[in-house]
Amino acid sequence: MTKILAIAAVLTGALAIPAYAGEPTPAEEKYCDVDYRKYCNEDGIGSELLTLCMRQHGHELSPDCIKALEQAGELTPSEEADAKAHGL
C-alpha cells in the first residue's frame, strides 16, 4: 500500500507534461482502460490533456495502471528519479 501511495504521489506531484505522450502501450490499454473511462474519457488517447488528467487522478488509479504508466515511460526524468529514490 505504501508503494502505491508513493507512486501516486510521484504522479500527482508533477505538473510538467512529458513531450513523449503518445499512443498507449498494450499494458496501458489493458490496465488503464477502466481508469481512463472513469476519470479522463473526455480527453483524447495520446493527448497531453490525457497525460495531465491521469496525473491529476494519480492517487485514484489502480496499481496495475500506475505500473503500466511507469513501464511506458510516462514519467518525467525527475519523477523517475523520485520513484527510484523511494524504491519503486
C-alpha atoms as a PDB file:
ATOM      1  CA  MET A   1       0.000   0.000   0.000  1.00  0.00           C
ATOM      2  CA  THR A   2       2.840   2.400   0.825  1.00  0.00           C
ATOM      3  CA  LYS A   3       4.428   1.708  -2.560  1.00  0.00           C
ATOM      4  CA  ILE A   4       1.148   2.552  -4.318  1.00  0.00           C
ATOM      5  CA  LEU A   5       0.822   5.785  -2.359  1.00  0.00           C
ATOM      6  CA  ALA A   6       4.406   6.740  -3.190  1.00  0.00           C
ATOM      7  CA  ILE A   7       3.826   6.130  -6.912  1.00  0.00           C
ATOM      8  CA  ALA A   8       0.593   8.133  -6.755  1.00  0.00           C
ATOM      9  CA  ALA A   9       2.465  10.954  -5.042  1.00  0.00           C
ATOM     10  CA  VAL A  10       5.048  10.942  -7.818  1.00  0.00           C
ATOM     11  CA  LEU A  11       2.330  11.024 -10.458  1.00  0.00           C
ATOM     12  CA  THR A  12       0.223  13.708  -8.815  1.00  0.00           C
ATOM     13  CA  GLY A  13       3.154  15.857  -7.762  1.00  0.00           C
ATOM     14  CA  ALA A  14       4.334  16.503 -11.296  1.00  0.00           C
ATOM     15  CA  LEU A  15       2.949  19.381 -13.295  1.00  0.00           C
ATOM     16  CA  ALA A  16       5.149  19.006 -16.368  1.00  0.00           C
ATOM     17  CA  ILE A  17       3.660  17.089 -19.258  1.00  0.00           C
ATOM     18  CA  PRO A  18       6.145  14.788 -20.964  1.00  0.00           C
ATOM     19  CA  ALA A  19       6.800  15.551 -24.608  1.00  0.00           C
ATOM     20  CA  TYR A  20       6.579  11.861 -25.449  1.00  0.00           C
ATOM     21  CA  ALA A  21       2.871  11.444 -24.664  1.00  0.00           C
ATOM     22  CA  GLY A  22       1.626   9.251 -27.467  1.00  0.00           C
ATOM     23  CA  GLU A  23      -0.353   6.161 -28.290  1.00  0.00           C
ATOM     24  CA  PRO A  24      -0.846   3.821 -25.327  1.00  0.00           C
ATOM     25  CA  THR A  25       1.168   0.648 -24.935  1.00  0.00           C
ATOM     26  CA  PRO A  26      -0.664  -2.693 -24.799  1.00  0.00           C
ATOM     27  CA  ALA A  27      -0.164  -2.736 -20.999  1.00  0.00           C
ATOM     28  CA  GLU A  28      -1.634   0.764 -20.668  1.00  0.00           C
ATOM     29  CA  GLU A  29      -4.610  -0.284 -22.791  1.00  0.00           C
ATOM     30  CA  LYS A  30      -5.134  -3.384 -20.674  1.00  0.00           C
ATOM     31  CA  TYR A  31      -4.603  -1.956 -17.195  1.00  0.00           C
ATOM     32  CA  CYS A  32      -5.662   1.687 -17.565  1.00  0.00           C
ATOM     33  CA  ASP A  33      -8.855   1.285 -19.584  1.00  0.00           C
ATOM     34  CA  VAL A  34     -11.187   1.397 -16.562  1.00  0.00           C
ATOM     35  CA  ASP A  35      -9.303   4.330 -15.033  1.00  0.00           C
ATOM     36  CA  TYR A  36      -9.362   6.189 -18.347  1.00  0.00           C
ATOM     37  CA  ARG A  37     -13.122   5.690 -18.763  1.00  0.00           C
ATOM     38  CA  LYS A  38     -13.798   6.670 -15.152  1.00  0.00           C
ATOM     39  CA  TYR A  39     -11.647   9.805 -14.930  1.00  0.00           C
ATOM     40  CA  CYS A  40     -10.420  11.029 -18.304  1.00  0.00           C
ATOM     41  CA  ASN A  41     -12.685   9.795 -21.115  1.00  0.00           C
ATOM     42  CA  GLU A  42     -13.192  13.341 -22.401  1.00  0.00           C
ATOM     43  CA  ASP A  43      -9.502  13.597 -23.294  1.00  0.00           C
ATOM     44  CA  GLY A  44      -8.171  12.054 -26.492  1.00  0.00           C
ATOM     45  CA  ILE A  45      -5.959   8.982 -26.377  1.00  0.00           C
ATOM     46  CA  GLY A  46      -2.333  10.044 -26.654  1.00  0.00           C
ATOM     47  CA  SER A  47      -3.075  13.705 -25.918  1.00  0.00           C
ATOM     48  CA  GLU A  48      -1.221  15.906 -23.476  1.00  0.00           C
ATOM     49  CA  LEU A  49      -4.563  16.593 -21.763  1.00  0.00           C
ATOM     50  CA  LEU A  50      -4.942  12.880 -21.078  1.00  0.00           C
ATOM     51  CA  THR A  51      -1.481  12.758 -19.536  1.00  0.00           C
ATOM     52  CA  LEU A  52      -2.346  15.688 -17.286  1.00  0.00           C
ATOM     53  CA  CYS A  53      -5.709  14.171 -16.347  1.00  0.00           C
ATOM     54  CA  MET A  54      -4.160  10.836 -15.402  1.00  0.00           C
ATOM     55  CA  ARG A  55      -1.599  12.666 -13.258  1.00  0.00           C
ATOM     56  CA  GLN A  56      -4.348  14.640 -11.532  1.00  0.00           C
ATOM     57  CA  HIS A  57      -6.070  11.351 -10.682  1.00  0.00           C
ATOM     58  CA  GLY A  58      -2.830   9.504  -9.843  1.00  0.00           C
ATOM     59  CA  HIS A  59      -3.915   8.765  -6.273  1.00  0.00           C
ATOM     60  CA  GLU A  60      -7.097   7.128  -7.603  1.00  0.00           C
ATOM     61  CA  LEU A  61      -5.563   4.990 -10.360  1.00  0.00           C
ATOM     62  CA  SER A  62      -5.319   1.239  -9.979  1.00  0.00           C
ATOM     63  CA  PRO A  63      -1.910  -0.164  -9.012  1.00  0.00           C
ATOM     64  CA  ASP A  64      -1.685  -2.055 -12.321  1.00  0.00           C
ATOM     65  CA  CYS A  65      -2.361   1.140 -14.271  1.00  0.00           C
ATOM     66  CA  ILE A  66       0.293   3.028 -12.333  1.00  0.00           C
ATOM     67  CA  LYS A  67       2.800   0.272 -13.073  1.00  0.00           C
ATOM     68  CA  ALA A  68       1.865   0.288 -16.784  1.00  0.00           C
ATOM     69  CA  LEU A  69       2.333   4.073 -16.946  1.00  0.00           C
ATOM     70  CA  GLU A  70       5.709   3.742 -15.264  1.00  0.00           C
ATOM     71  CA  GLN A  71       6.827   0.976 -17.647  1.00  0.00           C
ATOM     72  CA  ALA A  72       5.662   3.024 -20.648  1.00  0.00           C
ATOM     73  CA  GLY A  73       7.982   5.855 -19.699  1.00  0.00           C
ATOM     74  CA  GLU A  74       5.154   8.220 -18.875  1.00  0.00           C
ATOM     75  CA  LEU A  75       7.197   9.619 -16.001  1.00  0.00           C
ATOM     76  CA  THR A  76       9.487  12.599 -16.475  1.00  0.00           C
ATOM     77  CA  PRO A  77      13.181  12.117 -15.595  1.00  0.00           C
ATOM     78  CA  SER A  78      12.662  13.834 -12.232  1.00  0.00           C
ATOM     79  CA  GLU A  79       9.639  11.622 -11.479  1.00  0.00           C
ATOM     80  CA  GLU A  80      11.666   8.558 -12.427  1.00  0.00           C
ATOM     81  CA  ALA A  81      14.425   9.664 -10.044  1.00  0.00           C
ATOM     82  CA  ASP A  82      11.845  10.211  -7.268  1.00  0.00           C
ATOM     83  CA  ALA A  83      10.372   6.757  -7.885  1.00  0.00           C
ATOM     84  CA  LYS A  84      13.825   5.148  -7.724  1.00  0.00           C
ATOM     85  CA  ALA A  85      14.644   7.102  -4.557  1.00  0.00           C
ATOM     86  CA  HIS A  86      11.524   5.615  -2.977  1.00  0.00           C
ATOM     87  CA  GLY A  87      12.485   2.105  -4.123  1.00  0.00           C
ATOM     88  CA  LEU A  88       9.781   1.843  -6.775  1.00  0.00           C
END
